[in-house]
Protein backbone atom coordinates (compact mmCIF):
# COMPACT_ATOMS: atom_id res chain seq x y z
CA MET A 1 2.28 -14.29 -8.06
CA ASN A 2 5.71 -15.08 -9.47
CA GLU A 3 7.77 -13.00 -11.90
CA LYS A 4 6.47 -14.73 -15.02
CA GLU A 5 2.84 -14.37 -13.95
CA PHE A 6 3.40 -10.69 -13.19
CA PHE A 7 4.89 -9.86 -16.57
CA ASP A 8 2.37 -12.02 -18.44
CA ALA A 9 -0.49 -10.18 -16.71
CA PHE A 10 1.00 -6.81 -17.60
CA GLU A 11 1.64 -7.70 -21.23
CA ALA A 12 -1.95 -8.92 -21.59
CA GLU A 13 -3.14 -5.40 -20.71
CA ARG A 14 -0.33 -3.20 -22.06
CA TRP A 15 -2.09 -2.00 -25.17
CA ASN A 16 -5.22 -1.06 -23.24
CA PHE A 17 -3.31 1.76 -21.52
CA THR A 18 -0.64 2.68 -24.07
CA PHE A 19 -1.64 5.55 -26.37
CA MET A 20 0.26 6.61 -29.46
CA ASP A 21 0.72 9.91 -31.23
CA GLU A 22 -1.88 10.50 -33.94
CA ALA A 23 0.76 11.62 -36.43
CA ASP A 24 3.16 8.73 -35.71
CA THR A 25 1.60 5.62 -34.21
CA THR A 26 5.01 4.23 -33.24
CA LYS A 27 5.56 6.93 -30.60
CA PRO A 28 3.68 6.95 -27.25
CA VAL A 29 2.13 10.00 -25.62
CA GLN A 30 0.82 8.22 -22.50
CA GLN A 31 1.51 4.82 -20.94
CA VAL A 32 1.70 2.88 -17.68
CA GLY A 33 4.98 2.11 -15.97
CA ILE A 34 6.74 2.47 -12.63
CA VAL A 35 6.44 5.96 -11.16
CA ALA A 36 7.86 7.23 -7.88
CA VAL A 37 6.72 10.57 -6.50
CA PHE A 38 8.12 12.48 -3.52
CA HIS A 39 6.40 15.48 -1.89
CA LEU A 40 8.79 17.70 0.07
CA VAL A 41 8.42 20.75 2.30
CA ASP A 42 11.06 23.46 2.89
CA ALA A 43 13.08 22.13 -0.04
CA TYR A 44 14.13 25.69 -0.95
CA LEU A 45 16.67 25.59 1.91
CA PRO A 46 20.29 25.21 0.66
CA PHE A 47 20.94 21.87 2.38
CA ARG A 48 17.63 20.50 1.03
CA ARG A 49 18.56 21.59 -2.49
CA LYS A 50 21.85 19.76 -2.00
CA ASN A 51 19.82 16.66 -1.08
CA ILE A 52 17.91 16.99 -4.35
CA ALA A 53 21.23 17.10 -6.22
CA GLU A 54 22.39 13.96 -4.41
CA ALA A 55 19.12 12.21 -5.23
CA PHE A 56 19.51 13.08 -8.90
CA THR A 57 23.06 11.70 -8.76
CA ILE A 58 21.72 8.39 -7.46
CA TYR A 59 19.20 8.15 -10.31
CA ASN A 60 21.89 9.12 -12.81
CA ASN A 61 24.20 6.40 -11.47
CA TYR A 62 21.48 3.81 -12.03
CA PHE A 63 19.90 5.03 -15.26
CA GLY A 64 21.85 8.02 -16.62
CA GLU A 65 22.79 6.12 -19.76
CA LYS A 66 19.08 5.91 -20.64
CA LEU A 67 18.60 9.71 -20.58
CA VAL A 68 19.09 11.53 -23.89
CA ALA A 69 17.62 15.04 -23.51
CA GLY A 70 15.65 17.43 -21.36
CA TYR A 71 15.36 21.01 -20.19
CA ARG A 72 16.30 23.37 -17.37
CA GLU A 73 14.04 26.28 -16.57
CA ASP A 74 16.94 28.66 -15.93
CA ILE A 75 18.16 28.36 -19.53
CA GLY A 76 14.77 28.32 -21.17
CA MET A 77 12.05 25.83 -22.00
CA LYS A 78 13.90 24.18 -24.86
CA ILE A 79 15.08 20.62 -25.35
CA ILE A 80 18.85 20.16 -25.05
CA PRO A 81 20.92 16.96 -25.31
CA TYR A 82 21.90 15.17 -22.09
CA GLY A 83 25.39 13.95 -21.30
CA ARG A 84 28.11 14.11 -18.68
CA ASN A 85 28.57 17.87 -18.97
CA GLU A 86 24.83 18.52 -18.74
CA PHE A 87 24.65 16.32 -15.64
CA LEU A 88 27.46 18.26 -13.92
CA ASP A 89 25.95 21.61 -14.95
CA CYS A 90 22.58 20.53 -13.58
CA ILE A 91 24.10 19.52 -10.23
CA LYS A 92 25.80 22.94 -10.00
CA TYR A 93 22.52 24.65 -10.91
CA ILE A 94 20.61 22.85 -8.14
CA GLU A 95 23.24 23.48 -5.47
CA THR A 96 24.04 27.13 -6.23
CA ILE A 97 20.75 28.73 -7.21
CA GLY A 98 19.30 30.95 -4.50
CA SER A 99 16.57 29.83 -2.12
CA ASN A 100 14.29 32.52 -3.54
CA ASP A 101 14.60 31.04 -7.02
CA ALA A 102 12.75 27.99 -8.27
CA VAL A 103 14.48 24.80 -9.40
CA GLU A 104 12.83 23.15 -12.38
CA PHE A 105 14.26 20.58 -14.75
CA LYS A 106 13.42 17.31 -16.45
CA TRP A 107 15.71 14.75 -18.12
CA MET A 108 14.09 12.12 -20.33
CA SER A 109 14.77 9.09 -22.50
CA ARG A 110 12.93 10.70 -25.45
CA SER A 111 13.88 14.06 -26.86
CA SER A 112 10.39 15.54 -26.99
CA PHE A 113 7.84 17.47 -24.97
CA GLU A 114 5.04 15.72 -26.87
CA LEU A 115 6.11 12.10 -26.26
CA VAL A 116 6.27 10.15 -23.00
CA SER A 117 9.59 8.73 -21.81
CA ASP A 118 10.28 5.32 -20.27
CA TYR A 119 12.94 6.93 -18.05
CA MET A 120 12.57 10.37 -16.52
CA PHE A 121 13.79 12.40 -13.56
CA GLY A 122 11.83 15.61 -13.04
CA VAL A 123 11.87 18.27 -10.33
CA TYR A 124 9.82 21.32 -9.53
CA SER A 125 10.89 23.11 -6.35
CA PRO A 126 9.23 26.52 -5.87
CA GLU A 127 10.87 29.67 -4.62
CA GLY A 128 11.16 29.94 -0.84
CA TRP A 129 8.99 33.05 -0.69
CA TYR A 130 6.35 31.41 -2.86
CA GLU A 131 6.17 28.29 -0.68
CA LYS A 132 5.88 30.41 2.47
CA ILE A 133 2.99 32.46 1.04
CA HIS A 134 1.10 29.85 -0.98
CA GLY A 135 2.00 26.61 0.81
CA SER A 136 3.10 24.78 -2.34
CA LEU A 137 5.35 21.73 -2.14
CA THR A 138 8.41 20.52 -3.98
CA LYS A 139 7.60 17.54 -6.18
CA ILE A 140 10.07 15.03 -7.59
CA ARG A 141 8.93 12.32 -10.01
CA ILE A 142 10.87 9.48 -11.58
CA TYR A 143 9.82 7.09 -14.36
CA LEU A 144 11.01 3.57 -15.07
CA PRO A 145 9.76 0.84 -17.43
CA ILE A 146 8.54 -2.33 -15.76
CA ASP A 147 11.41 -4.27 -17.35
CA GLU A 148 13.60 -2.77 -14.64
CA LEU A 149 11.87 -5.16 -12.21
CA ARG A 150 13.22 -8.24 -14.01
CA ASN A 151 16.06 -10.43 -12.71
CA GLY A 152 16.35 -9.00 -9.23
CA GLY A 153 15.30 -5.52 -10.28
CA ARG A 154 12.72 -5.35 -7.48
CA LEU A 155 15.47 -5.42 -4.88
CA ARG A 156 17.51 -2.78 -6.73
CA LEU A 157 14.42 -0.57 -6.94
CA GLU A 158 13.76 -0.93 -3.21
CA GLU A 159 17.37 -0.05 -2.40
CA MET A 160 17.18 3.03 -4.62
CA LEU A 161 13.84 4.14 -3.14
CA ALA A 162 15.20 3.78 0.39
CA ASP A 163 18.26 5.88 -0.52
CA LEU A 164 16.08 8.53 -2.15
CA CYS A 165 13.73 8.68 0.84
CA ARG A 166 16.69 8.99 3.21
CA LEU A 167 18.03 11.95 1.23
CA LEU A 168 14.80 13.70 0.25
CA ARG A 169 12.89 13.23 3.54
CA PRO A 170 9.46 13.24 1.84
CA LEU A 171 6.44 14.28 3.83
CA HIS A 172 4.67 11.63 1.78
CA GLY A 173 5.01 9.86 -1.54
CA SER A 174 4.64 6.55 -3.32
CA ALA A 175 6.00 4.22 -6.00
CA GLY A 176 4.37 1.59 -8.18
CA PHE A 177 2.19 1.41 -11.25
CA ALA A 178 1.12 4.85 -12.41
CA ILE A 179 0.32 6.73 -15.59
CA GLN A 180 3.42 8.12 -17.26
CA GLU A 181 2.67 11.42 -18.99
CA CYS A 182 4.36 13.49 -21.64
CA HIS A 183 5.22 17.10 -20.81
CA THR A 184 2.10 18.35 -22.61
CA TRP A 185 -0.02 16.11 -20.36
CA GLU A 186 -3.01 18.47 -20.35
CA ASP A 187 -3.90 17.35 -23.88
CA PHE A 188 -4.44 13.77 -22.66
CA GLN A 189 -6.14 14.21 -19.29
CA HIS A 190 -9.35 12.64 -20.57
CA ILE A 191 -7.40 9.46 -21.47
CA GLU A 192 -5.72 9.47 -18.07
CA TYR A 193 -9.15 9.68 -16.44
CA GLU A 194 -10.37 6.60 -18.33
CA THR A 195 -7.24 4.58 -17.55
CA ALA A 196 -7.35 5.45 -13.85
CA TRP A 197 -10.91 4.20 -13.43
CA ALA A 198 -10.30 1.10 -15.55
CA TYR A 199 -7.19 0.12 -13.55
CA ARG A 200 -7.55 1.14 -9.89
CA GLY A 201 -4.01 0.08 -8.99
CA VAL A 202 -2.58 2.51 -11.55
CA ASP A 203 -1.95 5.78 -9.74
CA VAL A 204 -2.33 9.35 -10.99
CA CYS A 205 0.82 11.39 -10.25
CA ILE A 206 0.30 14.81 -11.79
CA PRO A 207 3.12 17.41 -11.95
CA SER A 208 1.24 19.99 -9.84
CA ASP A 209 -0.17 20.06 -6.30
CA ASN A 210 -1.94 22.36 -3.86
CA LYS A 211 -1.34 23.48 -0.29
CA THR A 212 -3.83 20.99 1.21
CA TRP A 213 -1.37 18.24 0.29
CA ARG A 214 0.62 19.35 3.35
CA GLU A 215 -2.23 18.04 5.50
CA GLY A 216 -2.26 14.39 4.41
CA TYR A 217 -0.91 11.92 1.89
CA THR A 218 -2.34 11.89 -1.64
CA ASN A 219 -0.92 8.69 -3.17
CA LEU A 220 -1.22 5.09 -2.01
CA ASN A 221 0.55 2.51 -4.13
CA TRP A 222 2.77 -0.58 -4.05
CA TYR A 223 5.17 1.49 -1.94
CA THR A 224 3.80 4.30 0.20
CA PHE A 225 6.18 6.72 1.94
CA ILE A 226 5.10 8.48 5.13
CA ALA A 227 7.16 10.72 7.44
CA HIS A 228 7.66 9.41 10.97
CA HIS A 229 5.90 12.32 12.71
CA TRP A 230 2.75 11.41 10.75
CA LEU A 231 3.09 7.67 11.34
CA ALA A 232 3.44 8.36 15.06
CA LYS A 233 -0.23 9.38 15.04
CA LEU A 234 -1.08 5.72 14.33
CA GLY A 235 0.82 4.46 17.38
CA THR A 236 4.08 2.57 17.70
CA PRO A 237 5.65 0.67 14.77
CA GLN A 238 4.57 -2.54 16.48
CA GLU A 239 0.98 -1.29 16.63
CA LEU A 240 1.09 -0.42 12.93
CA LYS A 241 2.38 -3.89 12.08
CA ALA A 242 -0.38 -5.41 14.21
CA GLN A 243 -3.00 -3.35 12.42
CA LEU A 244 -1.66 -4.33 8.99
CA ASP A 245 -1.69 -7.95 10.24
CA ASP A 246 -0.23 -9.51 7.11
CA GLU A 247 3.27 -10.84 6.66
CA ARG A 248 3.09 -9.98 2.96
CA ILE A 249 3.08 -6.27 3.86
CA ALA A 250 6.52 -4.91 4.77
CA VAL A 251 7.22 -1.77 6.79
CA ILE A 252 10.70 -0.57 5.83
CA PRO A 253 12.02 2.21 8.08
CA TYR A 254 14.54 4.85 7.06
CA GLU A 255 15.86 7.77 9.09
CA TRP A 256 12.98 10.17 8.45
CA GLY A 257 10.02 7.85 7.88
CA SER A 258 8.96 4.45 6.61
CA MET A 259 8.09 2.82 3.31
CA ILE A 260 5.10 0.47 3.38
CA ARG A 261 5.28 -2.18 0.66
CA ALA A 262 2.01 -3.90 -0.24
CA GLY A 263 3.22 -7.28 -1.47
CA ASP A 264 6.00 -8.46 -3.75
CA TRP A 265 4.62 -6.98 -6.98
CA PRO A 266 2.59 -3.91 -7.94
CA GLN A 267 -1.05 -4.50 -8.87
CA LEU A 268 -3.00 -3.19 -11.88
CA GLY A 269 -6.35 -3.50 -10.09
CA LYS A 270 -8.36 -3.99 -13.29
CA THR A 271 -11.91 -2.89 -12.51
CA ASP A 272 -13.75 -5.94 -13.83
CA ILE A 273 -11.32 -8.45 -12.26
CA ASN A 274 -9.70 -7.09 -9.09
CA PRO A 275 -10.69 -3.44 -8.48
CA LYS A 276 -9.58 -3.52 -4.84
CA PRO A 277 -6.27 -5.39 -4.53
CA GLU A 278 -6.31 -7.05 -1.12
CA LEU A 279 -3.04 -5.69 0.23
CA TYR A 280 -3.67 -2.15 -1.04
CA VAL A 281 -6.99 -2.22 0.83
CA LYS A 282 -5.27 -3.40 4.01
CA VAL A 283 -2.67 -0.64 3.86
CA ASN A 284 -5.39 1.90 3.10
CA GLU A 285 -7.47 0.82 6.09
CA ALA A 286 -4.45 1.06 8.39
CA ILE A 287 -3.27 4.54 7.38
CA LYS A 288 -6.23 6.35 5.82
CA THR A 289 -6.63 8.64 8.83
CA LEU A 290 -3.41 10.29 7.58
CA ARG A 291 -4.91 10.93 4.13
CA VAL A 292 -5.67 14.42 2.89
CA GLU A 293 -9.35 15.18 3.32
CA ASP A 294 -9.78 17.11 0.06
CA ILE A 295 -7.31 16.45 -2.74
CA GLY A 296 -8.78 19.16 -4.95
CA SER A 297 -9.09 18.56 -8.69
CA LEU A 298 -6.47 16.39 -10.38
CA HIS A 299 -7.33 17.83 -13.80
CA TYR A 300 -8.30 21.08 -15.46
CA GLY A 301 -11.73 21.90 -16.80
CA SER A 302 -12.91 20.82 -20.22
CA VAL A 303 -13.98 23.11 -23.04
CA GLY A 304 -14.62 20.26 -25.50
CA GLY A 305 -16.97 18.09 -23.51
CA GLU A 306 -14.46 15.32 -22.74
CA VAL A 307 -14.59 13.92 -19.21
CA ARG A 308 -11.68 14.73 -16.91
CA PHE A 309 -11.13 14.55 -13.17
CA ASN A 310 -12.93 17.29 -11.28
CA LYS A 311 -12.94 17.91 -7.54
CA ARG A 312 -15.73 15.40 -6.86
CA THR A 313 -14.34 12.54 -8.94
CA SER A 314 -10.79 13.26 -7.71
CA ASN A 315 -11.92 12.75 -4.13
CA LEU A 316 -13.77 9.60 -5.12
CA TRP A 317 -10.60 8.35 -6.75
CA LEU A 318 -8.63 9.13 -3.59
CA ARG A 319 -11.01 6.84 -1.66
CA ARG A 320 -11.09 4.00 -4.18
CA PHE A 321 -9.66 1.46 -1.73
CA ASP A 322 -12.02 2.35 1.14
CA SER A 323 -14.29 -0.25 2.65
CA PRO A 324 -17.98 0.68 3.03
CA SER A 325 -18.46 3.16 5.87
CA PRO A 326 -20.88 2.40 8.71
CA VAL A 327 -23.90 4.67 9.05
CA THR A 328 -25.52 6.00 12.21
CA THR A 329 -29.23 6.10 13.06
CA ASP A 330 -31.56 7.94 15.40
CA ASP A 331 -32.42 4.60 17.04
CA PRO A 332 -30.02 2.54 19.14
CA VAL A 333 -30.75 -0.41 16.85
CA THR A 334 -29.40 -0.20 13.31
CA PRO A 335 -32.23 -0.51 10.77
CA THR A 336 -32.16 -3.46 8.42
CA GLY A 337 -33.64 -4.08 5.00
CA ASP A 338 -34.59 -1.61 2.32
CA PRO A 339 -35.19 1.88 3.81
CA ALA A 340 -38.03 2.36 1.33
CA THR A 341 -40.02 -0.44 2.98
CA VAL A 342 -39.70 0.85 6.56
CA LYS A 343 -42.87 2.69 7.63
CA GLY A 344 -43.77 5.47 10.05
CA GLU A 345 -42.26 5.68 13.51
CA ALA A 346 -40.46 2.37 13.05
CA ARG A 347 -38.03 3.94 10.58
CA GLY A 348 -34.50 4.61 11.80
CA PHE A 349 -33.29 7.53 9.71
CA LEU A 350 -29.93 7.05 8.04
CA ARG A 351 -27.56 9.89 8.87
CA VAL A 352 -24.26 10.35 7.07
CA ALA A 353 -21.56 13.01 7.42
CA SER A 354 -20.13 15.09 4.58
CA GLY A 355 -17.34 13.31 2.71
CA THR A 356 -18.71 9.83 3.35
CA PRO A 357 -19.65 7.90 0.19
CA CYS A 358 -23.43 7.85 -0.10
CA PRO A 359 -24.55 4.45 1.26
CA TRP A 360 -27.95 4.50 -0.47
CA PRO A 361 -29.24 6.33 -3.55
CA GLY A 362 -32.09 8.60 -2.61
CA VAL A 363 -33.36 12.01 -1.60
CA TRP A 364 -31.37 13.44 1.30
CA LEU A 365 -32.02 16.39 3.61
CA CYS A 366 -29.61 18.51 5.62
CA ASP A 367 -31.26 19.48 8.91
CA GLU A 368 -28.54 22.05 9.60
CA VAL A 369 -29.37 23.99 6.41
CA GLU A 370 -33.16 23.62 6.11
CA HIS A 371 -33.56 26.17 3.32
CA LEU A 372 -31.43 23.98 1.03
CA GLY A 373 -34.28 21.56 0.38
CA PRO A 374 -34.10 17.92 -0.74
CA GLN A 375 -31.05 16.75 -2.69
CA THR A 376 -30.94 13.62 -4.86
CA ILE A 377 -27.59 11.85 -4.36
CA ALA A 378 -26.40 8.72 -6.15
CA HIS A 379 -24.82 5.73 -4.44
CA GLY A 380 -21.09 6.10 -3.84
CA VAL A 381 -20.97 9.86 -4.38
CA PRO A 382 -19.34 11.68 -1.42
CA MET A 383 -21.93 13.46 0.68
CA PRO A 384 -21.39 17.17 -0.03
CA GLU A 385 -20.24 19.94 2.26
CA ILE A 386 -22.26 23.15 2.54
CA ASP A 387 -20.39 26.42 2.15
CA GLY A 388 -17.13 24.64 2.87
CA ARG A 389 -18.20 23.05 6.16
CA LYS A 390 -19.11 19.51 7.10
CA VAL A 391 -22.77 18.74 7.78
CA THR A 392 -24.93 15.71 8.48
CA TRP A 393 -27.32 14.37 5.83
CA ARG A 394 -30.53 12.44 6.59
CA LEU A 395 -32.10 9.98 4.16
CA HIS A 396 -35.59 11.26 3.37
CA LYS A 397 -36.57 8.84 0.59
CA ALA A 398 -34.74 5.85 -0.84
CA LEU A 399 -34.74 5.42 -4.61
């Protein structure tokens, strides 16, 4: 894919994932663009807060002229204009606030909480005591329009991402196509849900997290950032390159980790055309053992009946680039054909562990919890846990 083909493909789909304000249809409330997200631990420490200030300075040097307004939590949740003085005040705020105080701010290219910005730099870094007790992470998100990739912009983006990773030392993170949200994003979660399933290469980078995100990465995209002590679990850098086995995939090291770039351009992954972009699948297969096991729910509950991400669909989404998992049997020979047609003692019972996408729709039994009784499970749905623990499910009857 060359530059023209990339932008033509995006423009052909743009209005399928750009949503305007009901009161003013010229102003967007949700859209797709370039999003980078960085998940940090121990970022309440003074030297880590200084790193955040330096990272913001880098973004400001690139795109500060695009920012017009925003807010800082320490002076109230109100929109204020952005300029040189506000930039300097924000740097001072980040560097001097105590480690037992949170850092929260967002600077945007639109002066509104209700509209989405093309450019944005946002930070939420919890208090040190809160992180120690609740295990929350610091999250930094940046937004860019795809036009920033034109005319050599890809190389500038990669240079900026490498500098940000070097400073921020993310435990994990990513950059590429993702849904860009307005500040009042909760109002549009049902639209985000529809876009995410319609375009599998478009990531979901919500402003919140949970403590399980310390246990594995949550975002896989065009660029995926992983800390070195996690990557070491996969073997040497040479072994990782051998497993990726594709010269189109680049592994770009920095001092504290590596960025894995899946090809020259980000992929939309439109469901009815290319739901599993080849290089995203290859990266996923190589590093998925580092993935968080349970991402939790990406959205809140619904009181109006609209469909949003819940815990089950969030974990399905997390596994959207997985290849079909092998199943085990009671017999040394794997059964073939339709399980419904296999009779009597000749049947090799399909057994699948919790968390594995259901390989066959049917009625399943859990031998470890006999009182539970038969459970009807649809194809592709993750096999459930029981009381928070993993169990093995046996296919009783195929449907």
